[in-house]
């Protein structure tokens, strides 16, 4: 919310809209913005994701900086044409003559009992769309800095916010700051193994690291922060030092982000690995409504510990 308000004060071309944003629902990120900026710059839309993103494409083309919200990332499936065939392609198709400064914000991942159609993690889908940048913050600090960078970018950005992270808190500087895209963050360093963790899995990996330390295993926890562009240099440098890697994501393993990062590591430094690359991800099934089954399907700190222990056995 701070990032949105600061950028709206800074640039009159920035505006936010979507389903229920006037009242700040569903996850209260936009709450209170209408009181300062009014309905010309903060407004509700019909429940039509195609229109929400389509309006952003047109507005960006005309020089505005729209920040639409898609209420659940699952519903990005409703506006794939507008996002992937228009927003992501038209700057290239214009030979760079037309800028497309738009940011699609959307909550993804687990919330707890939201079931198969409102709990998905679709990060990997959008890594495969040339022309689209993808940011997945893991902390309040990163969320603010990355969002401000996204809003100032002249290219389309998909900004994926993990639902459960809305409940977390952390230090955020009062002074202005930006976080460049394509720069990973190392949350802790260890000599034995690198954990590459995305989004909410950063906090799960840090919990796993605490347990592993008691067993005498020291791990590095690295958060890419943006999937496109991806900080391959930071990932490779860390794995070169530890010679083992576990990649953790909330999305399904099949066709996932972990497979892409793992392939990159294997292509570049396979001979420097002391153990097979391990991945921790959700099972390849729809997310259940039942909480016990949901927890069984999704990755957690204990599954990360087991993957690290397996990698350390080589």
C-alpha atoms as a PDB file:
ATOM      1  CA  UNK A   1       0.000   0.000   0.000  1.00  0.00           C
ATOM      2  CA  UNK A   2       2.867   2.375   0.787  1.00  0.00           C
ATOM      3  CA  UNK A   3       4.409   1.680  -2.609  1.00  0.00           C
ATOM      4  CA  UNK A   4       1.132   2.359  -4.418  1.00  0.00           C
ATOM      5  CA  UNK A   5       0.455   5.576  -2.508  1.00  0.00           C
ATOM      6  CA  UNK A   6       3.990   6.898  -2.943  1.00  0.00           C
ATOM      7  CA  UNK A   7       4.013   6.219  -6.672  1.00  0.00           C
ATOM      8  CA  UNK A   8       0.551   7.744  -7.110  1.00  0.00           C
ATOM      9  CA  UNK A   9       1.730  10.908  -5.354  1.00  0.00           C
ATOM     10  CA  UNK A  10       4.871  10.959  -7.457  1.00  0.00           C
ATOM     11  CA  UNK A  11       3.205  10.400 -10.840  1.00  0.00           C
ATOM     12  CA  UNK A  12      -0.349  11.484 -11.702  1.00  0.00           C
ATOM     13  CA  UNK A  13      -0.431   8.897 -14.498  1.00  0.00           C
ATOM     14  CA  UNK A  14      -0.492   6.008 -12.008  1.00  0.00           C
ATOM     15  CA  UNK A  15      -3.949   4.658 -11.177  1.00  0.00           C
ATOM     16  CA  UNK A  16      -5.285   1.456  -9.619  1.00  0.00           C
ATOM     17  CA  UNK A  17      -8.468  -0.459 -10.286  1.00  0.00           C
ATOM     18  CA  UNK A  18     -10.035  -3.903 -10.148  1.00  0.00           C
ATOM     19  CA  UNK A  19     -12.712  -5.858  -8.353  1.00  0.00           C
ATOM     20  CA  UNK A  20     -13.536  -4.343  -4.935  1.00  0.00           C
ATOM     21  CA  UNK A  21     -10.419  -2.149  -4.764  1.00  0.00           C
ATOM     22  CA  UNK A  22     -12.419   0.865  -3.568  1.00  0.00           C
ATOM     23  CA  UNK A  23     -12.999  -0.870  -0.234  1.00  0.00           C
ATOM     24  CA  UNK A  24      -9.611  -2.576  -0.289  1.00  0.00           C
ATOM     25  CA  UNK A  25     -10.894  -6.131  -0.644  1.00  0.00           C
ATOM     26  CA  UNK A  26     -10.115  -8.974  -0.987  1.00  0.00           C
ATOM     27  CA  UNK A  27      -6.787  -8.660   0.842  1.00  0.00           C
ATOM     28  CA  UNK A  28      -6.906  -4.946   1.814  1.00  0.00           C
ATOM     29  CA  UNK A  29      -3.811  -3.871  -0.155  1.00  0.00           C
ATOM     30  CA  UNK A  30      -5.696  -0.945  -1.718  1.00  0.00           C
ATOM     31  CA  UNK A  31      -7.630  -0.033   1.424  1.00  0.00           C
ATOM     32  CA  UNK A  32      -7.716   3.718   2.023  1.00  0.00           C
ATOM     33  CA  UNK A  33      -6.278   4.754  -1.339  1.00  0.00           C
ATOM     34  CA  UNK A  34      -9.624   6.059  -2.547  1.00  0.00           C
ATOM     35  CA  UNK A  35      -9.752   8.494   0.389  1.00  0.00           C
ATOM     36  CA  UNK A  36      -6.607  10.231  -0.846  1.00  0.00           C
ATOM     37  CA  UNK A  37      -6.851   9.843  -4.604  1.00  0.00           C
ATOM     38  CA  UNK A  38     -10.585   9.644  -5.331  1.00  0.00           C
ATOM     39  CA  UNK A  39     -12.543   7.566  -7.810  1.00  0.00           C
ATOM     40  CA  UNK A  40     -10.762   8.968 -10.837  1.00  0.00           C
ATOM     41  CA  UNK A  41      -7.639   7.036  -9.836  1.00  0.00           C
ATOM     42  CA  UNK A  42      -9.022   4.257  -7.607  1.00  0.00           C
ATOM     43  CA  UNK A  43     -12.116   2.517  -8.931  1.00  0.00           C
ATOM     44  CA  UNK A  44     -13.989  -0.766  -9.087  1.00  0.00           C
ATOM     45  CA  UNK A  45     -14.632  -2.786 -12.215  1.00  0.00           C
ATOM     46  CA  UNK A  46     -17.085  -5.485 -13.238  1.00  0.00           C
ATOM     47  CA  UNK A  47     -16.029  -9.087 -12.648  1.00  0.00           C
ATOM     48  CA  UNK A  48     -14.362  -9.370 -16.043  1.00  0.00           C
ATOM     49  CA  UNK A  49     -10.639 -10.039 -16.053  1.00  0.00           C
ATOM     50  CA  UNK A  50     -10.419  -9.647 -19.835  1.00  0.00           C
ATOM     51  CA  UNK A  51     -11.645  -6.067 -19.517  1.00  0.00           C
ATOM     52  CA  UNK A  52      -9.432  -5.285 -16.521  1.00  0.00           C
ATOM     53  CA  UNK A  53      -6.208  -6.166 -18.347  1.00  0.00           C
ATOM     54  CA  UNK A  54      -7.472  -4.953 -21.715  1.00  0.00           C
ATOM     55  CA  UNK A  55      -8.073  -1.486 -20.263  1.00  0.00           C
ATOM     56  CA  UNK A  56      -4.526  -1.536 -18.867  1.00  0.00           C
ATOM     57  CA  UNK A  57      -3.074  -2.296 -22.298  1.00  0.00           C
ATOM     58  CA  UNK A  58      -4.939   0.594 -23.887  1.00  0.00           C
ATOM     59  CA  UNK A  59      -4.159   3.006 -21.058  1.00  0.00           C
ATOM     60  CA  UNK A  60      -0.453   2.123 -21.089  1.00  0.00           C
ATOM     61  CA  UNK A  61      -0.337   2.591 -24.840  1.00  0.00           C
ATOM     62  CA  UNK A  62      -1.737   6.104 -24.365  1.00  0.00           C
ATOM     63  CA  UNK A  63       0.905   7.055 -21.794  1.00  0.00           C
ATOM     64  CA  UNK A  64      -0.760   6.162 -18.487  1.00  0.00           C
ATOM     65  CA  UNK A  65       0.712   3.812 -15.870  1.00  0.00           C
ATOM     66  CA  UNK A  66      -2.124   1.474 -14.854  1.00  0.00           C
ATOM     67  CA  UNK A  67      -1.840  -0.917 -11.900  1.00  0.00           C
ATOM     68  CA  UNK A  68      -4.818  -3.276 -12.195  1.00  0.00           C
ATOM     69  CA  UNK A  69      -5.504  -5.978  -9.630  1.00  0.00           C
ATOM     70  CA  UNK A  70      -6.651  -9.472 -10.557  1.00  0.00           C
ATOM     71  CA  UNK A  71      -8.268 -10.670  -7.348  1.00  0.00           C
ATOM     72  CA  UNK A  72      -6.848 -14.222  -7.539  1.00  0.00           C
ATOM     73  CA  UNK A  73      -3.978 -15.312  -9.752  1.00  0.00           C
ATOM     74  CA  UNK A  74      -6.043 -18.329 -10.833  1.00  0.00           C
ATOM     75  CA  UNK A  75      -8.194 -15.856 -12.770  1.00  0.00           C
ATOM     76  CA  UNK A  76      -5.273 -14.804 -14.933  1.00  0.00           C
ATOM     77  CA  UNK A  77      -6.475 -17.700 -17.058  1.00  0.00           C
ATOM     78  CA  UNK A  78      -9.399 -15.452 -18.027  1.00  0.00           C
ATOM     79  CA  UNK A  79      -7.153 -12.742 -19.513  1.00  0.00           C
ATOM     80  CA  UNK A  80      -4.306 -14.707 -21.061  1.00  0.00           C
ATOM     81  CA  UNK A  81      -4.845 -13.132 -24.484  1.00  0.00           C
ATOM     82  CA  UNK A  82      -4.752  -9.564 -23.171  1.00  0.00           C
ATOM     83  CA  UNK A  83      -1.732 -10.240 -20.951  1.00  0.00           C
ATOM     84  CA  UNK A  84       0.343 -12.575 -23.107  1.00  0.00           C
ATOM     85  CA  UNK A  85      -0.584 -11.628 -26.682  1.00  0.00           C
ATOM     86  CA  UNK A  86      -1.114  -7.888 -26.226  1.00  0.00           C
ATOM     87  CA  UNK A  87       0.687  -6.510 -23.162  1.00  0.00           C
ATOM     88  CA  UNK A  88       3.752  -8.728 -23.517  1.00  0.00           C
ATOM     89  CA  UNK A  89       4.095  -8.458 -27.295  1.00  0.00           C
ATOM     90  CA  UNK A  90       3.121  -5.012 -28.527  1.00  0.00           C
ATOM     91  CA  UNK A  91       6.260  -3.110 -27.539  1.00  0.00           C
ATOM     92  CA  UNK A  92       8.320  -5.619 -29.500  1.00  0.00           C
ATOM     93  CA  UNK A  93       5.876  -5.523 -32.409  1.00  0.00           C
ATOM     94  CA  UNK A  94       6.106  -1.720 -32.519  1.00  0.00           C
ATOM     95  CA  UNK A  95       9.876  -1.875 -32.740  1.00  0.00           C
ATOM     96  CA  UNK A  96      10.120  -0.257 -29.328  1.00  0.00           C
ATOM     97  CA  UNK A  97       8.207   2.829 -30.446  1.00  0.00           C
ATOM     98  CA  UNK A  98       5.358   2.269 -27.979  1.00  0.00           C
ATOM     99  CA  UNK A  99       5.949   1.775 -24.251  1.00  0.00           C
ATOM    100  CA  UNK A 100       3.722  -0.463 -22.125  1.00  0.00           C
ATOM    101  CA  UNK A 101       4.217   0.583 -18.471  1.00  0.00           C
ATOM    102  CA  UNK A 102       1.610  -1.545 -16.725  1.00  0.00           C
ATOM    103  CA  UNK A 103       1.728  -3.690 -13.587  1.00  0.00           C
ATOM    104  CA  UNK A 104      -0.772  -6.484 -13.021  1.00  0.00           C
ATOM    105  CA  UNK A 105      -0.914  -7.216  -9.282  1.00  0.00           C
ATOM    106  CA  UNK A 106      -2.386 -10.522  -8.201  1.00  0.00           C
ATOM    107  CA  UNK A 107      -2.430 -12.728  -5.070  1.00  0.00           C
ATOM    108  CA  UNK A 108      -1.451 -16.349  -5.587  1.00  0.00           C
ATOM    109  CA  UNK A 109      -0.841 -19.544  -3.676  1.00  0.00           C
ATOM    110  CA  UNK A 110      -2.321 -20.966  -0.509  1.00  0.00           C
ATOM    111  CA  UNK A 111      -4.737 -19.101   1.745  1.00  0.00           C
ATOM    112  CA  UNK A 112      -6.207 -22.074   3.584  1.00  0.00           C
ATOM    113  CA  UNK A 113      -9.297 -23.894   2.359  1.00  0.00           C
ATOM    114  CA  UNK A 114      -9.763 -21.852  -0.819  1.00  0.00           C
ATOM    115  CA  UNK A 115      -9.672 -25.076  -2.868  1.00  0.00           C
ATOM    116  CA  UNK A 116      -8.656 -25.875  -6.424  1.00  0.00           C
ATOM    117  CA  UNK A 117      -9.735 -22.716  -8.254  1.00  0.00           C
ATOM    118  CA  UNK A 118      -8.424 -20.070  -5.845  1.00  0.00           C
ATOM    119  CA  UNK A 119      -5.168 -21.535  -4.470  1.00  0.00           C
ATOM    120  CA  UNK A 120      -2.957 -22.150  -7.476  1.00  0.00           C
ATOM    121  CA  UNK A 121       0.609 -20.998  -8.020  1.00  0.00           C
ATOM    122  CA  UNK A 122       1.036 -20.277 -11.726  1.00  0.00           C
ATOM    123  CA  UNK A 123       4.476 -18.628 -11.720  1.00  0.00           C
ATOM    124  CA  UNK A 124       5.959 -21.058 -14.229  1.00  0.00           C
ATOM    125  CA  UNK A 125       3.287 -20.327 -16.847  1.00  0.00           C
ATOM    126  CA  UNK A 126       4.321 -16.700 -17.084  1.00  0.00           C
ATOM    127  CA  UNK A 127       8.075 -17.306 -17.047  1.00  0.00           C
ATOM    128  CA  UNK A 128       7.437 -18.700 -20.525  1.00  0.00           C
ATOM    129  CA  UNK A 129       6.010 -15.454 -21.967  1.00  0.00           C
ATOM    130  CA  UNK A 130       8.678 -13.347 -23.711  1.00  0.00           C
ATOM    131  CA  UNK A 131       8.149  -9.647 -23.074  1.00  0.00           C
ATOM    132  CA  UNK A 132       6.624 -10.087 -19.610  1.00  0.00           C
ATOM    133  CA  UNK A 133       8.564  -9.489 -16.392  1.00  0.00           C
ATOM    134  CA  UNK A 134       7.597 -11.539 -13.322  1.00  0.00           C
ATOM    135  CA  UNK A 135       8.222 -10.511  -9.701  1.00  0.00           C
ATOM    136  CA  UNK A 136       7.455 -12.669  -6.639  1.00  0.00           C
ATOM    137  CA  UNK A 137       8.338 -10.854  -3.383  1.00  0.00           C
ATOM    138  CA  UNK A 138       8.872 -12.795  -0.160  1.00  0.00           C
ATOM    139  CA  UNK A 139       9.098 -10.006   2.451  1.00  0.00           C
ATOM    140  CA  UNK A 140       7.448  -6.619   3.096  1.00  0.00           C
ATOM    141  CA  UNK A 141      10.758  -4.923   2.288  1.00  0.00           C
ATOM    142  CA  UNK A 142      10.995  -6.654  -1.067  1.00  0.00           C
ATOM    143  CA  UNK A 143       7.307  -6.150  -1.844  1.00  0.00           C
ATOM    144  CA  UNK A 144       7.558  -2.381  -1.519  1.00  0.00           C
ATOM    145  CA  UNK A 145      10.865  -1.952  -3.301  1.00  0.00           C
ATOM    146  CA  UNK A 146       9.998  -4.281  -6.156  1.00  0.00           C
ATOM    147  CA  UNK A 147       6.536  -2.780  -6.669  1.00  0.00           C
ATOM    148  CA  UNK A 148       7.944   0.733  -6.929  1.00  0.00           C
ATOM    149  CA  UNK A 149      10.448  -0.520  -9.493  1.00  0.00           C
ATOM    150  CA  UNK A 150       7.681  -2.300 -11.400  1.00  0.00           C
ATOM    151  CA  UNK A 151       5.495   0.807 -11.589  1.00  0.00           C
ATOM    152  CA  UNK A 152       8.384   2.848 -13.010  1.00  0.00           C
ATOM    153  CA  UNK A 153       9.267   0.187 -15.583  1.00  0.00           C
ATOM    154  CA  UNK A 154       8.263   0.892 -19.182  1.00  0.00           C
ATOM    155  CA  UNK A 155       7.479  -2.782 -19.774  1.00  0.00           C
ATOM    156  CA  UNK A 156       4.607  -4.968 -18.517  1.00  0.00           C
ATOM    157  CA  UNK A 157       5.183  -6.604 -15.139  1.00  0.00           C
ATOM    158  CA  UNK A 158       3.235  -9.408 -13.476  1.00  0.00           C
ATOM    159  CA  UNK A 159       3.526  -8.835  -9.723  1.00  0.00           C
ATOM    160  CA  UNK A 160       2.557 -12.007  -7.842  1.00  0.00           C
ATOM    161  CA  UNK A 161       1.868 -11.630  -4.117  1.00  0.00           C
ATOM    162  CA  UNK A 162       1.573 -14.724  -1.925  1.00  0.00           C
ATOM    163  CA  UNK A 163      -1.665 -14.646   0.067  1.00  0.00           C
ATOM    164  CA  UNK A 164      -0.265 -15.996   3.327  1.00  0.00           C
ATOM    165  CA  UNK A 165       2.483 -13.365   3.281  1.00  0.00           C
ATOM    166  CA  UNK A 166      -0.151 -10.638   3.745  1.00  0.00           C
ATOM    167  CA  UNK A 167      -0.212 -11.781   7.380  1.00  0.00           C
ATOM    168  CA  UNK A 168       3.513 -11.220   7.899  1.00  0.00           C
ATOM    169  CA  UNK A 169       5.404  -8.142   9.021  1.00  0.00           C
ATOM    170  CA  UNK A 170       8.954  -6.913   8.678  1.00  0.00           C
ATOM    171  CA  UNK A 171      11.153  -3.814   8.623  1.00  0.00           C
ATOM    172  CA  UNK A 172      10.559  -1.300   5.827  1.00  0.00           C
ATOM    173  CA  UNK A 173      12.690   1.878   5.661  1.00  0.00           C
ATOM    174  CA  UNK A 174      10.931   5.222   5.861  1.00  0.00           C
ATOM    175  CA  UNK A 175      13.159   6.690   3.164  1.00  0.00           C
ATOM    176  CA  UNK A 176      12.481   5.891  -0.469  1.00  0.00           C
ATOM    177  CA  UNK A 177      14.184   2.878  -1.993  1.00  0.00           C
ATOM    178  CA  UNK A 178      13.911   0.767  -5.133  1.00  0.00           C
ATOM    179  CA  UNK A 179      14.982  -2.841  -5.670  1.00  0.00           C
ATOM    180  CA  UNK A 180      16.350  -3.553  -9.156  1.00  0.00           C
ATOM    181  CA  UNK A 181      14.844  -6.461 -11.033  1.00  0.00           C
ATOM    182  CA  UNK A 182      17.156  -9.411 -11.580  1.00  0.00           C
ATOM    183  CA  UNK A 183      19.011  -9.121  -8.265  1.00  0.00           C
ATOM    184  CA  UNK A 184      18.623 -12.055  -5.884  1.00  0.00           C
ATOM    185  CA  UNK A 185      18.686 -11.729  -2.111  1.00  0.00           C
ATOM    186  CA  UNK A 186      20.619 -14.069   0.169  1.00  0.00           C
ATOM    187  CA  UNK A 187      18.782 -14.400   3.493  1.00  0.00           C
ATOM    188  CA  UNK A 188      21.412 -16.557   5.164  1.00  0.00           C
ATOM    189  CA  UNK A 189      24.679 -18.147   4.098  1.00  0.00           C
ATOM    190  CA  UNK A 190      25.972 -21.646   4.670  1.00  0.00           C
ATOM    191  CA  UNK A 191      28.735 -23.805   3.258  1.00  0.00           C
ATOM    192  CA  UNK A 192      26.981 -27.138   2.717  1.00  0.00           C
ATOM    193  CA  UNK A 193      24.066 -26.563   0.332  1.00  0.00           C
ATOM    194  CA  UNK A 194      22.117 -23.827  -1.463  1.00  0.00           C
ATOM    195  CA  UNK A 195      18.337 -23.580  -1.182  1.00  0.00           C
ATOM    196  CA  UNK A 196      16.798 -21.509  -3.972  1.00  0.00           C
ATOM    197  CA  UNK A 197      13.365 -20.528  -2.663  1.00  0.00           C
ATOM    198  CA  UNK A 198      10.564 -18.574  -4.331  1.00  0.00           C
ATOM    199  CA  UNK A 199       7.915 -16.458  -2.612  1.00  0.00           C
ATOM    200  CA  UNK A 200       6.426 -17.955   0.557  1.00  0.00           C
ATOM    201  CA  UNK A 201       8.901 -20.806   0.371  1.00  0.00           C
ATOM    202  CA  UNK A 202      11.615 -18.423   1.566  1.00  0.00           C
ATOM    203  CA  UNK A 203      10.145 -18.383   5.077  1.00  0.00           C
ATOM    204  CA  UNK A 204       9.622 -22.159   4.978  1.00  0.00           C
ATOM    205  CA  UNK A 205      13.245 -22.595   3.888  1.00  0.00           C
ATOM    206  CA  UNK A 206      14.492 -20.372   6.698  1.00  0.00           C
ATOM    207  CA  UNK A 207      12.584 -22.526   9.197  1.00  0.00           C
ATOM    208  CA  UNK A 208      14.126 -25.617   7.640  1.00  0.00           C
ATOM    209  CA  UNK A 209      17.570 -24.007   7.854  1.00  0.00           C
ATOM    210  CA  UNK A 210      17.166 -23.537  11.605  1.00  0.00           C
ATOM    211  CA  UNK A 211      16.406 -27.221  12.055  1.00  0.00           C
ATOM    212  CA  UNK A 212      19.233 -28.294   9.753  1.00  0.00           C
ATOM    213  CA  UNK A 213      21.714 -26.148  11.659  1.00  0.00           C
ATOM    214  CA  UNK A 214      20.957 -28.189  14.771  1.00  0.00           C
ATOM    215  CA  UNK A 215      21.962 -31.253  12.750  1.00  0.00           C
ATOM    216  CA  UNK A 216      25.237 -29.630  11.732  1.00  0.00           C
ATOM    217  CA  UNK A 217      24.160 -28.730   8.189  1.00  0.00           C
ATOM    218  CA  UNK A 218      24.686 -25.120   7.134  1.00  0.00           C
ATOM    219  CA  UNK A 219      22.630 -23.951   4.157  1.00  0.00           C
ATOM    220  CA  UNK A 220      22.399 -20.800   2.076  1.00  0.00           C
ATOM    221  CA  UNK A 221      18.846 -19.541   1.447  1.00  0.00           C
ATOM    222  CA  UNK A 222      18.673 -17.549  -1.785  1.00  0.00           C
ATOM    223  CA  UNK A 223      15.558 -15.749  -3.038  1.00  0.00           C
ATOM    224  CA  UNK A 224      15.613 -14.753  -6.741  1.00  0.00           C
ATOM    225  CA  UNK A 225      12.897 -12.119  -6.045  1.00  0.00           C
ATOM    226  CA  UNK A 226      12.194 -11.843  -9.769  1.00  0.00           C
ATOM    227  CA  UNK A 227      11.752 -14.855 -12.025  1.00  0.00           C
ATOM    228  CA  UNK A 228      12.002 -12.714 -15.160  1.00  0.00           C
ATOM    229  CA  UNK A 229      14.685 -11.436 -15.235  1.00  0.00           C
ATOM    230  CA  UNK A 230      16.325 -14.226 -13.228  1.00  0.00           C
ATOM    231  CA  UNK A 231      19.585 -13.621 -11.379  1.00  0.00           C
ATOM    232  CA  UNK A 232      21.372 -16.649 -12.798  1.00  0.00           C
ATOM    233  CA  UNK A 233      24.762 -15.291 -11.750  1.00  0.00           C
ATOM    234  CA  UNK A 234      23.854 -15.223  -8.046  1.00  0.00           C
ATOM    235  CA  UNK A 235      22.374 -18.714  -8.216  1.00  0.00           C
ATOM    236  CA  UNK A 236      25.384 -20.177 -10.003  1.00  0.00           C
ATOM    237  CA  UNK A 237      27.878 -18.423  -7.729  1.00  0.00           C
ATOM    238  CA  UNK A 238      26.168 -19.821  -4.641  1.00  0.00           C
ATOM    239  CA  UNK A 239      25.933 -23.364  -5.986  1.00  0.00           C
ATOM    240  CA  UNK A 240      29.595 -23.225  -7.029  1.00  0.00           C
ATOM    241  CA  UNK A 241      30.446 -22.611  -3.382  1.00  0.00           C
ATOM    242  CA  UNK A 242      28.183 -25.274  -1.844  1.00  0.00           C
ATOM    243  CA  UNK A 243      28.132 -27.883  -4.666  1.00  0.00           C
ATOM    244  CA  UNK A 244      24.598 -28.938  -3.724  1.00  0.00           C
ATOM    245  CA  UNK A 245      21.218 -27.352  -4.420  1.00  0.00           C
ATOM    246  CA  UNK A 246      17.560 -27.763  -3.499  1.00  0.00           C
ATOM    247  CA  UNK A 247      15.002 -25.638  -5.358  1.00  0.00           C
ATOM    248  CA  UNK A 248      11.739 -24.900  -3.551  1.00  0.00           C
ATOM    249  CA  UNK A 249       8.514 -23.524  -5.036  1.00  0.00           C
ATOM    250  CA  UNK A 250       4.840 -23.553  -4.100  1.00  0.00           C
ATOM    251  CA  UNK A 251       3.665 -24.507  -7.595  1.00  0.00           C
ATOM    252  CA  UNK A 252       3.504 -28.032  -9.042  1.00  0.00           C
ATOM    253  CA  UNK A 253       6.761 -29.831  -9.731  1.00  0.00           C
ATOM    254  CA  UNK A 254       5.853 -30.835 -13.293  1.00  0.00           C
ATOM    255  CA  UNK A 255       6.836 -28.026 -15.658  1.00  0.00           C
ATOM    256  CA  UNK A 256       7.703 -25.822 -12.703  1.00  0.00           C
ATOM    257  CA  UNK A 257      10.102 -23.007 -11.929  1.00  0.00           C
ATOM    258  CA  UNK A 258      12.387 -25.499 -10.202  1.00  0.00           C
ATOM    259  CA  UNK A 259      12.798 -27.472 -13.400  1.00  0.00           C
ATOM    260  CA  UNK A 260      13.884 -24.353 -15.297  1.00  0.00           C
ATOM    261  CA  UNK A 261      16.361 -23.266 -12.627  1.00  0.00           C
ATOM    262  CA  UNK A 262      17.643 -26.821 -12.252  1.00  0.00           C
ATOM    263  CA  UNK A 263      18.184 -27.151 -16.006  1.00  0.00           C
ATOM    264  CA  UNK A 264      20.117 -23.880 -16.043  1.00  0.00           C
ATOM    265  CA  UNK A 265      22.369 -25.109 -13.223  1.00  0.00           C
ATOM    266  CA  UNK A 266      22.940 -28.451 -14.965  1.00  0.00           C
ATOM    267  CA  UNK A 267      23.790 -26.755 -18.262  1.00  0.00           C
ATOM    268  CA  UNK A 268      26.265 -24.365 -16.694  1.00  0.00           C
ATOM    269  CA  UNK A 269      28.009 -26.154 -13.799  1.00  0.00           C
ATOM    270  CA  UNK A 270      26.982 -29.824 -13.789  1.00  0.00           C
ATOM    271  CA  UNK A 271      30.564 -30.956 -13.157  1.00  0.00           C
ATOM    272  CA  UNK A 272      30.712 -28.873  -9.972  1.00  0.00           C
ATOM    273  CA  UNK A 273      27.784 -30.639  -8.290  1.00  0.00           C
ATOM    274  CA  UNK A 274      28.429 -33.228  -5.584  1.00  0.00           C
ATOM    275  CA  UNK A 275      24.815 -34.448  -5.508  1.00  0.00           C
ATOM    276  CA  UNK A 276      21.781 -34.568  -7.796  1.00  0.00           C
ATOM    277  CA  UNK A 277      19.656 -31.424  -7.989  1.00  0.00           C
ATOM    278  CA  UNK A 278      16.634 -31.797  -5.735  1.00  0.00           C
ATOM    279  CA  UNK A 279      13.257 -30.049  -6.078  1.00  0.00           C
ATOM    280  CA  UNK A 280      10.525 -29.465  -3.508  1.00  0.00           C
ATOM    281  CA  UNK A 281       7.134 -28.441  -4.878  1.00  0.00           C
ATOM    282  CA  UNK A 282       3.441 -29.176  -4.603  1.00  0.00           C
ATOM    283  CA  UNK A 283       2.134 -32.519  -5.800  1.00  0.00           C
ATOM    284  CA  UNK A 284       0.785 -32.616  -9.351  1.00  0.00           C
ATOM    285  CA  UNK A 285      -2.854 -32.561  -8.265  1.00  0.00           C
ATOM    286  CA  UNK A 286      -5.492 -29.825  -7.814  1.00  0.00           C
ATOM    287  CA  UNK A 287      -5.270 -28.066  -4.441  1.00  0.00           C
ATOM    288  CA  UNK A 288      -7.780 -29.739  -2.075  1.00  0.00           C
ATOM    289  CA  UNK A 289     -10.364 -27.852  -0.017  1.00  0.00           C
ATOM    290  CA  UNK A 290      -9.747 -30.046   3.036  1.00  0.00           C
ATOM    291  CA  UNK A 291      -7.015 -28.401   5.119  1.00  0.00           C
ATOM    292  CA  UNK A 292      -5.270 -31.645   6.039  1.00  0.00           C
ATOM    293  CA  UNK A 293      -5.125 -32.703   2.400  1.00  0.00           C
ATOM    294  CA  UNK A 294      -4.051 -29.216   1.342  1.00  0.00           C
ATOM    295  CA  UNK A 295      -1.124 -29.345   3.753  1.00  0.00           C
ATOM    296  CA  UNK A 296      -0.226 -32.812   2.466  1.00  0.00           C
ATOM    297  CA  UNK A 297      -0.126 -31.582  -1.143  1.00  0.00           C
ATOM    298  CA  UNK A 298       1.847 -28.366  -0.595  1.00  0.00           C
ATOM    299  CA  UNK A 299       5.554 -28.033   0.283  1.00  0.00           C
ATOM    300  CA  UNK A 300       6.613 -27.121   3.811  1.00  0.00           C
ATOM    301  CA  UNK A 301       9.689 -26.826   5.995  1.00  0.00           C
ATOM    302  CA  UNK A 302       9.772 -30.533   6.838  1.00  0.00           C
ATOM    303  CA  UNK A 303       9.740 -31.561   3.176  1.00  0.00           C
ATOM    304  CA  UNK A 304      12.589 -29.125   2.582  1.00  0.00           C
ATOM    305  CA  UNK A 305      14.575 -30.667   5.451  1.00  0.00           C
ATOM    306  CA  UNK A 306      14.087 -34.129   3.958  1.00  0.00           C
ATOM    307  CA  UNK A 307      15.238 -32.963   0.513  1.00  0.00           C
ATOM    308  CA  UNK A 308      18.353 -31.378   2.002  1.00  0.00           C
ATOM    309  CA  UNK A 309      19.114 -34.507   4.009  1.00  0.00           C
ATOM    310  CA  UNK A 310      18.796 -36.558   0.846  1.00  0.00           C
ATOM    311  CA  UNK A 311      21.170 -34.269  -1.060  1.00  0.00           C
ATOM    312  CA  UNK A 312      23.663 -34.367   1.817  1.00  0.00           C
ATOM    313  CA  UNK A 313      23.723 -38.181   1.723  1.00  0.00           C
ATOM    314  CA  UNK A 314      25.789 -38.159  -1.487  1.00  0.00           C
END
